[in-house]
N, C-alpha and C. Protein backbone atom coordinates (compact mmCIF):
# COMPACT_ATOMS: atom_id res chain seq x y z
N ALA A 1 10.50 -2.29 30.74
CA ALA A 1 11.30 -2.21 29.53
C ALA A 1 12.60 -1.47 29.80
N PHE A 2 12.57 -0.44 30.64
CA PHE A 2 13.78 0.32 30.94
C PHE A 2 14.84 -0.59 31.55
N ALA A 3 14.46 -1.42 32.51
CA ALA A 3 15.41 -2.31 33.16
C ALA A 3 15.99 -3.34 32.20
N ALA A 4 15.22 -3.72 31.18
CA ALA A 4 15.68 -4.71 30.19
C ALA A 4 16.60 -4.09 29.15
N ALA A 5 16.57 -2.79 29.01
CA ALA A 5 17.37 -2.09 27.99
C ALA A 5 18.79 -1.91 28.52
N ARG A 6 19.65 -2.84 28.22
CA ARG A 6 21.04 -2.82 28.66
C ARG A 6 21.93 -2.93 27.44
N PRO A 7 23.16 -2.44 27.48
CA PRO A 7 24.08 -2.68 26.37
C PRO A 7 24.20 -4.18 26.12
N GLY A 8 24.05 -4.59 24.87
CA GLY A 8 24.11 -6.00 24.52
C GLY A 8 22.76 -6.68 24.44
N ALA A 9 21.72 -6.06 25.00
CA ALA A 9 20.37 -6.62 24.89
C ALA A 9 19.85 -6.38 23.48
N THR A 10 18.96 -7.23 23.02
CA THR A 10 18.35 -7.01 21.71
C THR A 10 17.08 -6.18 21.86
N CYS A 11 16.72 -5.54 20.77
CA CYS A 11 15.46 -4.79 20.75
C CYS A 11 14.29 -5.71 21.07
N ALA A 12 14.32 -6.93 20.53
CA ALA A 12 13.24 -7.88 20.77
C ALA A 12 13.11 -8.22 22.25
N SER A 13 14.23 -8.33 22.97
CA SER A 13 14.16 -8.67 24.39
C SER A 13 13.55 -7.54 25.22
N VAL A 14 13.78 -6.30 24.82
CA VAL A 14 13.17 -5.16 25.50
C VAL A 14 11.67 -5.15 25.25
N ASP A 15 11.27 -5.43 24.01
CA ASP A 15 9.86 -5.52 23.67
C ASP A 15 9.19 -6.63 24.49
N ARG A 16 9.83 -7.79 24.59
CA ARG A 16 9.28 -8.90 25.38
C ARG A 16 9.10 -8.51 26.84
N ALA A 17 10.05 -7.76 27.39
CA ALA A 17 9.95 -7.34 28.79
C ALA A 17 8.73 -6.46 29.02
N ALA A 18 8.46 -5.54 28.09
CA ALA A 18 7.28 -4.67 28.22
C ALA A 18 6.00 -5.49 28.14
N ARG A 19 5.95 -6.42 27.21
CA ARG A 19 4.75 -7.26 27.05
C ARG A 19 4.54 -8.17 28.26
N ALA A 20 5.63 -8.64 28.86
CA ALA A 20 5.51 -9.52 30.03
C ALA A 20 4.80 -8.83 31.18
N VAL A 21 5.05 -7.54 31.36
CA VAL A 21 4.38 -6.78 32.43
C VAL A 21 2.87 -6.77 32.18
N LEU A 22 2.46 -6.48 30.95
CA LEU A 22 1.03 -6.44 30.63
C LEU A 22 0.41 -7.83 30.72
N GLU A 23 1.12 -8.85 30.23
CA GLU A 23 0.59 -10.21 30.28
C GLU A 23 0.40 -10.67 31.72
N ALA A 24 1.29 -10.26 32.62
CA ALA A 24 1.16 -10.62 34.04
C ALA A 24 -0.09 -10.01 34.65
N GLU A 25 -0.59 -8.93 34.05
CA GLU A 25 -1.82 -8.27 34.52
C GLU A 25 -3.06 -8.75 33.77
N GLY A 26 -2.89 -9.77 32.90
CA GLY A 26 -4.03 -10.35 32.21
C GLY A 26 -4.30 -9.81 30.82
N PHE A 27 -3.42 -8.98 30.28
CA PHE A 27 -3.59 -8.43 28.94
C PHE A 27 -2.78 -9.25 27.94
N GLY A 28 -3.11 -9.05 26.65
CA GLY A 28 -2.39 -9.75 25.59
C GLY A 28 -2.98 -11.13 25.38
N PRO A 29 -2.19 -12.11 25.06
CA PRO A 29 -0.73 -12.14 25.01
C PRO A 29 -0.18 -11.55 23.71
N GLY A 30 1.11 -11.32 23.71
CA GLY A 30 1.77 -10.81 22.51
C GLY A 30 1.19 -9.49 22.08
N TYR A 31 0.77 -9.43 20.81
CA TYR A 31 0.22 -8.21 20.24
C TYR A 31 -1.30 -8.18 20.30
N ALA A 32 -1.92 -9.12 21.03
CA ALA A 32 -3.37 -9.19 21.12
C ALA A 32 -3.91 -8.03 21.95
N VAL A 33 -5.14 -7.63 21.63
CA VAL A 33 -5.82 -6.56 22.36
C VAL A 33 -6.96 -7.20 23.13
N PRO A 34 -7.24 -6.84 24.39
CA PRO A 34 -6.61 -5.72 25.07
C PRO A 34 -5.16 -6.04 25.41
N GLY A 35 -4.32 -5.06 25.21
CA GLY A 35 -2.90 -5.21 25.45
C GLY A 35 -2.10 -4.18 24.69
N LEU A 36 -0.94 -4.59 24.19
CA LEU A 36 0.01 -3.71 23.50
C LEU A 36 0.08 -4.12 22.03
N PRO A 37 -0.71 -3.46 21.14
CA PRO A 37 -0.76 -3.87 19.73
C PRO A 37 0.29 -3.20 18.86
N HIS A 38 1.25 -2.54 19.44
CA HIS A 38 2.20 -1.70 18.70
C HIS A 38 3.60 -2.00 19.22
N ARG A 39 4.62 -1.49 18.53
CA ARG A 39 5.99 -1.68 19.02
C ARG A 39 6.18 -0.94 20.35
N THR A 40 7.16 -1.37 21.11
CA THR A 40 7.45 -0.77 22.41
C THR A 40 8.22 0.53 22.30
N GLY A 41 8.95 0.73 21.21
CA GLY A 41 9.72 1.97 21.06
C GLY A 41 10.42 2.04 19.73
N HIS A 42 11.20 3.10 19.56
CA HIS A 42 11.90 3.35 18.30
C HIS A 42 13.10 4.24 18.56
N GLY A 43 14.03 4.21 17.61
CA GLY A 43 15.19 5.07 17.69
C GLY A 43 14.84 6.52 17.40
N LEU A 44 15.71 7.41 17.83
CA LEU A 44 15.60 8.84 17.56
C LEU A 44 16.96 9.32 17.09
N GLY A 45 16.95 10.20 16.11
CA GLY A 45 18.20 10.75 15.61
C GLY A 45 17.90 11.93 14.73
N LEU A 46 18.21 11.80 13.44
CA LEU A 46 17.86 12.85 12.49
C LEU A 46 16.36 12.86 12.23
N ASP A 47 15.72 11.71 12.39
CA ASP A 47 14.27 11.59 12.26
C ASP A 47 13.68 11.26 13.63
N ILE A 48 12.41 11.59 13.79
CA ILE A 48 11.76 11.32 15.08
C ILE A 48 11.45 9.84 15.25
N HIS A 49 11.24 9.11 14.15
CA HIS A 49 11.02 7.67 14.19
C HIS A 49 12.02 7.02 13.25
N GLU A 50 12.96 6.27 13.80
CA GLU A 50 13.95 5.58 12.99
C GLU A 50 14.45 4.36 13.76
N GLU A 51 15.31 3.58 13.11
CA GLU A 51 15.90 2.43 13.78
C GLU A 51 16.75 2.87 14.96
N PRO A 52 16.85 2.07 15.98
CA PRO A 52 16.37 0.69 16.06
C PRO A 52 14.91 0.64 16.51
N TRP A 53 14.14 -0.26 15.91
CA TRP A 53 12.75 -0.46 16.29
C TRP A 53 12.73 -1.42 17.48
N ILE A 54 12.11 -1.02 18.56
CA ILE A 54 12.01 -1.87 19.75
C ILE A 54 10.74 -2.70 19.56
N VAL A 55 10.92 -3.85 18.91
CA VAL A 55 9.77 -4.64 18.48
C VAL A 55 10.18 -6.12 18.40
N ALA A 56 9.19 -7.00 18.51
CA ALA A 56 9.43 -8.44 18.40
C ALA A 56 10.12 -8.75 17.08
N GLY A 57 11.08 -9.66 17.14
CA GLY A 57 11.77 -10.10 15.93
C GLY A 57 12.96 -9.26 15.53
N ASN A 58 13.18 -8.12 16.19
CA ASN A 58 14.32 -7.27 15.84
C ASN A 58 15.51 -7.65 16.73
N ASP A 59 16.50 -8.29 16.13
CA ASP A 59 17.67 -8.74 16.88
C ASP A 59 18.79 -7.71 16.90
N THR A 60 18.48 -6.44 16.57
CA THR A 60 19.47 -5.38 16.69
C THR A 60 19.91 -5.29 18.15
N VAL A 61 21.21 -5.22 18.36
CA VAL A 61 21.77 -5.16 19.72
C VAL A 61 21.89 -3.71 20.15
N LEU A 62 21.40 -3.40 21.34
CA LEU A 62 21.52 -2.04 21.88
C LEU A 62 22.97 -1.77 22.28
N ALA A 63 23.43 -0.57 21.96
CA ALA A 63 24.83 -0.22 22.19
C ALA A 63 24.93 1.20 22.73
N PRO A 64 26.00 1.50 23.47
CA PRO A 64 26.22 2.86 23.95
C PRO A 64 26.16 3.87 22.80
N GLY A 65 25.55 5.01 23.09
CA GLY A 65 25.40 6.06 22.09
C GLY A 65 24.04 6.07 21.42
N MET A 66 23.30 4.97 21.51
CA MET A 66 21.96 4.93 20.90
C MET A 66 20.98 5.75 21.73
N CYS A 67 20.07 6.41 21.04
CA CYS A 67 18.95 7.11 21.68
C CYS A 67 17.67 6.48 21.15
N PHE A 68 16.74 6.21 22.03
CA PHE A 68 15.50 5.56 21.61
C PHE A 68 14.39 5.85 22.62
N SER A 69 13.17 5.63 22.16
CA SER A 69 12.02 5.80 23.04
C SER A 69 11.66 4.46 23.66
N ILE A 70 11.07 4.54 24.83
CA ILE A 70 10.39 3.42 25.45
C ILE A 70 8.97 3.92 25.66
N GLU A 71 8.04 3.36 24.88
CA GLU A 71 6.68 3.90 24.87
C GLU A 71 5.62 2.81 24.79
N PRO A 72 5.62 1.90 25.74
CA PRO A 72 4.57 0.89 25.70
C PRO A 72 3.20 1.52 25.86
N MET A 73 2.21 0.87 25.32
CA MET A 73 0.85 1.36 25.46
C MET A 73 -0.04 0.23 25.95
N LEU A 74 -1.15 0.60 26.51
CA LEU A 74 -2.20 -0.34 26.85
C LEU A 74 -3.42 0.10 26.08
N CYS A 75 -3.96 -0.78 25.29
CA CYS A 75 -5.10 -0.45 24.45
C CYS A 75 -6.24 -1.43 24.70
N VAL A 76 -7.41 -0.90 25.00
CA VAL A 76 -8.63 -1.68 25.13
C VAL A 76 -9.62 -1.04 24.16
N TYR A 77 -9.75 -1.63 22.96
CA TYR A 77 -10.57 -1.03 21.91
C TYR A 77 -11.98 -0.72 22.42
N GLY A 78 -12.46 0.45 22.09
CA GLY A 78 -13.80 0.88 22.47
C GLY A 78 -13.91 1.37 23.91
N GLU A 79 -12.82 1.29 24.66
CA GLU A 79 -12.88 1.71 26.06
C GLU A 79 -11.82 2.74 26.41
N CYS A 80 -10.55 2.39 26.20
CA CYS A 80 -9.50 3.32 26.61
C CYS A 80 -8.16 2.93 25.98
N GLY A 81 -7.23 3.82 26.10
CA GLY A 81 -5.86 3.57 25.67
C GLY A 81 -4.95 4.57 26.34
N VAL A 82 -3.74 4.15 26.64
CA VAL A 82 -2.77 5.06 27.23
C VAL A 82 -1.39 4.67 26.72
N ARG A 83 -0.60 5.68 26.42
CA ARG A 83 0.80 5.46 26.02
C ARG A 83 1.64 6.53 26.70
N LEU A 84 2.70 6.09 27.34
CA LEU A 84 3.66 7.00 27.96
C LEU A 84 4.97 6.85 27.22
N GLU A 85 5.49 7.95 26.69
CA GLU A 85 6.73 7.89 25.90
C GLU A 85 7.85 8.57 26.66
N ASP A 86 8.90 7.81 26.91
CA ASP A 86 10.10 8.33 27.56
C ASP A 86 11.28 8.11 26.63
N ILE A 87 12.25 9.02 26.67
CA ILE A 87 13.41 8.96 25.80
C ILE A 87 14.63 8.55 26.63
N VAL A 88 15.41 7.64 26.07
CA VAL A 88 16.54 7.03 26.75
C VAL A 88 17.81 7.21 25.92
N HIS A 89 18.92 7.42 26.60
CA HIS A 89 20.25 7.43 25.98
C HIS A 89 21.02 6.26 26.58
N MET A 90 21.54 5.38 25.72
CA MET A 90 22.28 4.22 26.22
C MET A 90 23.73 4.60 26.49
N THR A 91 24.20 4.29 27.70
CA THR A 91 25.59 4.52 28.08
C THR A 91 26.27 3.16 28.29
N GLU A 92 27.56 3.18 28.53
CA GLU A 92 28.29 1.94 28.84
C GLU A 92 27.71 1.27 30.08
N ALA A 93 27.23 2.07 31.03
CA ALA A 93 26.69 1.55 32.29
C ALA A 93 25.22 1.17 32.21
N GLY A 94 24.56 1.49 31.11
CA GLY A 94 23.15 1.18 30.98
C GLY A 94 22.36 2.39 30.52
N PRO A 95 21.03 2.28 30.51
CA PRO A 95 20.20 3.37 30.00
C PRO A 95 20.12 4.53 30.99
N ARG A 96 19.96 5.71 30.44
CA ARG A 96 19.74 6.93 31.24
C ARG A 96 18.55 7.66 30.64
N TRP A 97 17.66 8.13 31.49
CA TRP A 97 16.51 8.92 31.04
C TRP A 97 17.00 10.30 30.60
N PHE A 98 16.42 10.85 29.55
CA PHE A 98 16.63 12.26 29.25
C PHE A 98 15.90 13.09 30.29
N CYS A 99 14.68 12.71 30.60
CA CYS A 99 13.86 13.34 31.64
C CYS A 99 13.27 12.21 32.47
N PRO A 100 13.67 12.05 33.71
CA PRO A 100 13.15 10.95 34.51
C PRO A 100 11.62 11.01 34.58
N PRO A 101 10.96 9.85 34.44
CA PRO A 101 9.50 9.84 34.49
C PRO A 101 8.99 10.14 35.89
N SER A 102 7.79 10.67 35.94
CA SER A 102 7.13 10.96 37.21
C SER A 102 6.73 9.66 37.88
N GLY A 103 6.71 9.67 39.17
CA GLY A 103 6.28 8.50 39.92
C GLY A 103 4.78 8.45 40.16
N THR A 104 4.07 9.52 39.75
CA THR A 104 2.64 9.58 40.02
C THR A 104 1.91 10.38 38.95
N LEU A 105 0.68 10.02 38.68
CA LEU A 105 -0.14 10.79 37.75
C LEU A 105 -0.57 12.12 38.35
N ASP A 106 -0.55 12.22 39.68
CA ASP A 106 -0.94 13.46 40.34
C ASP A 106 0.08 14.58 40.15
N ALA A 107 1.33 14.22 39.85
CA ALA A 107 2.39 15.21 39.62
C ALA A 107 3.17 14.78 38.38
N PRO A 108 2.57 14.90 37.19
CA PRO A 108 3.18 14.34 35.98
C PRO A 108 4.52 14.96 35.61
N PHE A 109 4.82 16.14 36.11
CA PHE A 109 6.08 16.79 35.76
C PHE A 109 7.04 16.89 36.95
N GLY A 110 6.84 16.03 37.94
CA GLY A 110 7.74 15.98 39.08
C GLY A 110 7.28 16.74 40.27
């Protein structure tokens, strides 16, 4: 989803990119479970959850200056679920992490 979040991309296209990763691993499709039954992310500003919603059907165009979460989840009802939430600031050159994500679960904070 991070790579798909570019200036000019729509929120829906970022959501599709996150779902495509899970579908390639046999989850989903779409909002089906096991898979990603929730939006991929949301805007941040004066409220912790606000527009733009990173979700299917939202044709809002991402633009420099926007701050939003990228938080896809994997949900397998009755077994497990995981969601990792990262915050992004959109620049003219593309997205930038507020805090770069860890590359491993063994060192979650770098």
